């Protein structure tokens, strides 16, 4: 059984279809750590247990980036159950870099000015 952790974050960015979103991330304390939960449209993502809410948030960011989400950033909105409003700064997470093309074709595309990928 899990209990609310008293922390919430706002998570903003672009989904895999390049549509902007801004949703709350909730944390639950479990018997072995914390889980982060994000609900977005018909998707519900729950992270595996992590030692802290910070680690659970990092797991959530990694999952979303693997699914094609970009320009992700978070802002803590609740701490210990207290509403923080927009007092906290936004934290930005760099996008994952696509592997660059190697070999003659990659060099040719670069020389001709085509974008990588």
C-alpha atoms as a PDB file:
ATOM      1  CA  UNK A   1       0.000   0.000   0.000  1.00  0.00           C
ATOM      2  CA  UNK A   2       1.244   3.507  -0.787  1.00  0.00           C
ATOM      3  CA  UNK A   3       0.753   6.916   0.830  1.00  0.00           C
ATOM      4  CA  UNK A   4       0.947  10.384  -0.745  1.00  0.00           C
ATOM      5  CA  UNK A   5       4.427  11.809  -0.217  1.00  0.00           C
ATOM      6  CA  UNK A   6       3.307  15.423   0.238  1.00  0.00           C
ATOM      7  CA  UNK A   7       5.307  16.545  -2.807  1.00  0.00           C
ATOM      8  CA  UNK A   8       4.093  17.523  -6.258  1.00  0.00           C
ATOM      9  CA  UNK A   9       5.796  18.953  -9.305  1.00  0.00           C
ATOM     10  CA  UNK A  10       4.544  20.529 -12.494  1.00  0.00           C
ATOM     11  CA  UNK A  11       6.095  18.942 -15.563  1.00  0.00           C
ATOM     12  CA  UNK A  12       6.014  20.781 -18.885  1.00  0.00           C
ATOM     13  CA  UNK A  13       7.405  20.101 -22.334  1.00  0.00           C
ATOM     14  CA  UNK A  14       6.433  18.636 -25.688  1.00  0.00           C
ATOM     15  CA  UNK A  15       5.033  15.162 -26.227  1.00  0.00           C
ATOM     16  CA  UNK A  16       6.118  12.765 -28.964  1.00  0.00           C
ATOM     17  CA  UNK A  17       3.697  14.474 -31.396  1.00  0.00           C
ATOM     18  CA  UNK A  18       5.289  17.864 -30.579  1.00  0.00           C
ATOM     19  CA  UNK A  19       2.278  19.169 -28.657  1.00  0.00           C
ATOM     20  CA  UNK A  20       2.933  21.255 -25.559  1.00  0.00           C
ATOM     21  CA  UNK A  21       1.761  19.982 -22.192  1.00  0.00           C
ATOM     22  CA  UNK A  22       1.887  20.948 -18.516  1.00  0.00           C
ATOM     23  CA  UNK A  23       0.759  18.345 -15.964  1.00  0.00           C
ATOM     24  CA  UNK A  24       1.218  17.630 -12.263  1.00  0.00           C
ATOM     25  CA  UNK A  25       3.510  14.812 -11.141  1.00  0.00           C
ATOM     26  CA  UNK A  26       2.428  13.146  -7.929  1.00  0.00           C
ATOM     27  CA  UNK A  27       4.604  11.069  -5.627  1.00  0.00           C
ATOM     28  CA  UNK A  28       3.610   8.181  -3.433  1.00  0.00           C
ATOM     29  CA  UNK A  29       5.640   6.640  -0.680  1.00  0.00           C
ATOM     30  CA  UNK A  30       5.766   2.869  -0.915  1.00  0.00           C
ATOM     31  CA  UNK A  31       7.240   0.268   1.394  1.00  0.00           C
ATOM     32  CA  UNK A  32      10.557   0.479  -0.474  1.00  0.00           C
ATOM     33  CA  UNK A  33      10.789   4.121  -1.605  1.00  0.00           C
ATOM     34  CA  UNK A  34       8.871   6.536  -3.806  1.00  0.00           C
ATOM     35  CA  UNK A  35       7.028   6.357  -7.108  1.00  0.00           C
ATOM     36  CA  UNK A  36       6.264   9.231  -9.474  1.00  0.00           C
ATOM     37  CA  UNK A  37       2.981   9.221 -11.395  1.00  0.00           C
ATOM     38  CA  UNK A  38       2.149  11.294 -14.478  1.00  0.00           C
ATOM     39  CA  UNK A  39      -1.254  11.301 -16.144  1.00  0.00           C
ATOM     40  CA  UNK A  40      -1.384  12.776 -19.628  1.00  0.00           C
ATOM     41  CA  UNK A  41      -4.391  12.245 -21.879  1.00  0.00           C
ATOM     42  CA  UNK A  42      -4.920   8.455 -21.926  1.00  0.00           C
ATOM     43  CA  UNK A  43      -1.411   7.717 -20.669  1.00  0.00           C
ATOM     44  CA  UNK A  44      -0.543   6.948 -17.061  1.00  0.00           C
ATOM     45  CA  UNK A  45       3.128   6.443 -16.259  1.00  0.00           C
ATOM     46  CA  UNK A  46       4.235   5.129 -12.873  1.00  0.00           C
ATOM     47  CA  UNK A  47       7.944   4.792 -12.162  1.00  0.00           C
ATOM     48  CA  UNK A  48       9.531   1.868 -10.356  1.00  0.00           C
ATOM     49  CA  UNK A  49      10.364   2.460  -6.694  1.00  0.00           C
ATOM     50  CA  UNK A  50      13.211   4.912  -6.158  1.00  0.00           C
ATOM     51  CA  UNK A  51      15.068   5.912  -2.976  1.00  0.00           C
ATOM     52  CA  UNK A  52      13.807   9.540  -3.111  1.00  0.00           C
ATOM     53  CA  UNK A  53      11.257  11.707  -4.887  1.00  0.00           C
ATOM     54  CA  UNK A  54      14.137  13.334  -6.779  1.00  0.00           C
ATOM     55  CA  UNK A  55      15.256   9.934  -8.089  1.00  0.00           C
ATOM     56  CA  UNK A  56      11.675   9.004  -9.007  1.00  0.00           C
ATOM     57  CA  UNK A  57      11.350  12.271 -10.964  1.00  0.00           C
ATOM     58  CA  UNK A  58      14.623  11.521 -12.793  1.00  0.00           C
ATOM     59  CA  UNK A  59      13.270   8.062 -13.715  1.00  0.00           C
ATOM     60  CA  UNK A  60      10.083   9.653 -15.043  1.00  0.00           C
ATOM     61  CA  UNK A  61      12.082  12.133 -17.152  1.00  0.00           C
ATOM     62  CA  UNK A  62      14.161   9.274 -18.612  1.00  0.00           C
ATOM     63  CA  UNK A  63      11.019   7.261 -19.465  1.00  0.00           C
ATOM     64  CA  UNK A  64       9.399  10.244 -21.182  1.00  0.00           C
ATOM     65  CA  UNK A  65      12.548  11.069 -23.150  1.00  0.00           C
ATOM     66  CA  UNK A  66      12.733   7.459 -24.340  1.00  0.00           C
ATOM     67  CA  UNK A  67       9.152   7.876 -25.593  1.00  0.00           C
ATOM     68  CA  UNK A  68      10.059  10.994 -27.600  1.00  0.00           C
ATOM     69  CA  UNK A  69       9.139  13.779 -25.174  1.00  0.00           C
ATOM     70  CA  UNK A  70      11.380  16.857 -25.460  1.00  0.00           C
ATOM     71  CA  UNK A  71      12.176  20.181 -23.771  1.00  0.00           C
ATOM     72  CA  UNK A  72      11.079  18.803 -20.401  1.00  0.00           C
ATOM     73  CA  UNK A  73      11.199  21.001 -17.328  1.00  0.00           C
ATOM     74  CA  UNK A  74       9.811  20.702 -13.818  1.00  0.00           C
ATOM     75  CA  UNK A  75       8.853  23.013 -10.975  1.00  0.00           C
ATOM     76  CA  UNK A  76       8.093  21.896  -7.430  1.00  0.00           C
ATOM     77  CA  UNK A  77       4.606  23.064  -6.462  1.00  0.00           C
ATOM     78  CA  UNK A  78       4.099  21.267  -3.114  1.00  0.00           C
ATOM     79  CA  UNK A  79       6.644  20.425  -0.408  1.00  0.00           C
ATOM     80  CA  UNK A  80       5.628  18.590   2.759  1.00  0.00           C
ATOM     81  CA  UNK A  81       2.028  19.216   1.769  1.00  0.00           C
ATOM     82  CA  UNK A  82       2.455  22.997   1.578  1.00  0.00           C
ATOM     83  CA  UNK A  83       1.572  24.816  -1.655  1.00  0.00           C
ATOM     84  CA  UNK A  84       4.565  26.724  -3.031  1.00  0.00           C
ATOM     85  CA  UNK A  85       2.859  28.447  -5.949  1.00  0.00           C
ATOM     86  CA  UNK A  86       5.516  29.494  -8.425  1.00  0.00           C
ATOM     87  CA  UNK A  87       8.199  30.259  -5.823  1.00  0.00           C
ATOM     88  CA  UNK A  88      10.511  27.516  -7.027  1.00  0.00           C
ATOM     89  CA  UNK A  89      12.567  27.849 -10.200  1.00  0.00           C
ATOM     90  CA  UNK A  90      11.932  25.648 -13.223  1.00  0.00           C
ATOM     91  CA  UNK A  91      14.528  22.915 -13.728  1.00  0.00           C
ATOM     92  CA  UNK A  92      15.239  22.052 -17.363  1.00  0.00           C
ATOM     93  CA  UNK A  93      16.314  18.606 -18.548  1.00  0.00           C
ATOM     94  CA  UNK A  94      18.473  18.467 -21.675  1.00  0.00           C
ATOM     95  CA  UNK A  95      17.027  16.428 -24.519  1.00  0.00           C
ATOM     96  CA  UNK A  96      18.655  13.154 -25.369  1.00  0.00           C
ATOM     97  CA  UNK A  97      20.959  13.442 -28.337  1.00  0.00           C
ATOM     98  CA  UNK A  98      20.115  11.329 -31.361  1.00  0.00           C
ATOM     99  CA  UNK A  99      23.014   9.173 -32.452  1.00  0.00           C
ATOM    100  CA  UNK A 100      24.872  10.849 -35.267  1.00  0.00           C
ATOM    101  CA  UNK A 101      25.292   9.128 -38.573  1.00  0.00           C
ATOM    102  CA  UNK A 102      28.724   7.765 -39.242  1.00  0.00           C
ATOM    103  CA  UNK A 103      30.418   6.850 -42.445  1.00  0.00           C
ATOM    104  CA  UNK A 104      30.365   8.286 -45.917  1.00  0.00           C
ATOM    105  CA  UNK A 105      26.608   8.938 -46.000  1.00  0.00           C
ATOM    106  CA  UNK A 106      26.747  10.888 -42.720  1.00  0.00           C
ATOM    107  CA  UNK A 107      29.682  12.981 -43.910  1.00  0.00           C
ATOM    108  CA  UNK A 108      27.967  13.663 -47.218  1.00  0.00           C
ATOM    109  CA  UNK A 109      24.758  14.814 -45.486  1.00  0.00           C
ATOM    110  CA  UNK A 110      26.744  17.051 -43.153  1.00  0.00           C
ATOM    111  CA  UNK A 111      28.696  18.547 -46.058  1.00  0.00           C
ATOM    112  CA  UNK A 112      25.453  19.202 -47.998  1.00  0.00           C
ATOM    113  CA  UNK A 113      23.810  20.807 -44.941  1.00  0.00           C
ATOM    114  CA  UNK A 114      21.152  18.166 -44.224  1.00  0.00           C
ATOM    115  CA  UNK A 115      20.050  17.857 -40.587  1.00  0.00           C
ATOM    116  CA  UNK A 116      21.373  14.792 -38.729  1.00  0.00           C
ATOM    117  CA  UNK A 117      19.175  11.707 -38.363  1.00  0.00           C
END
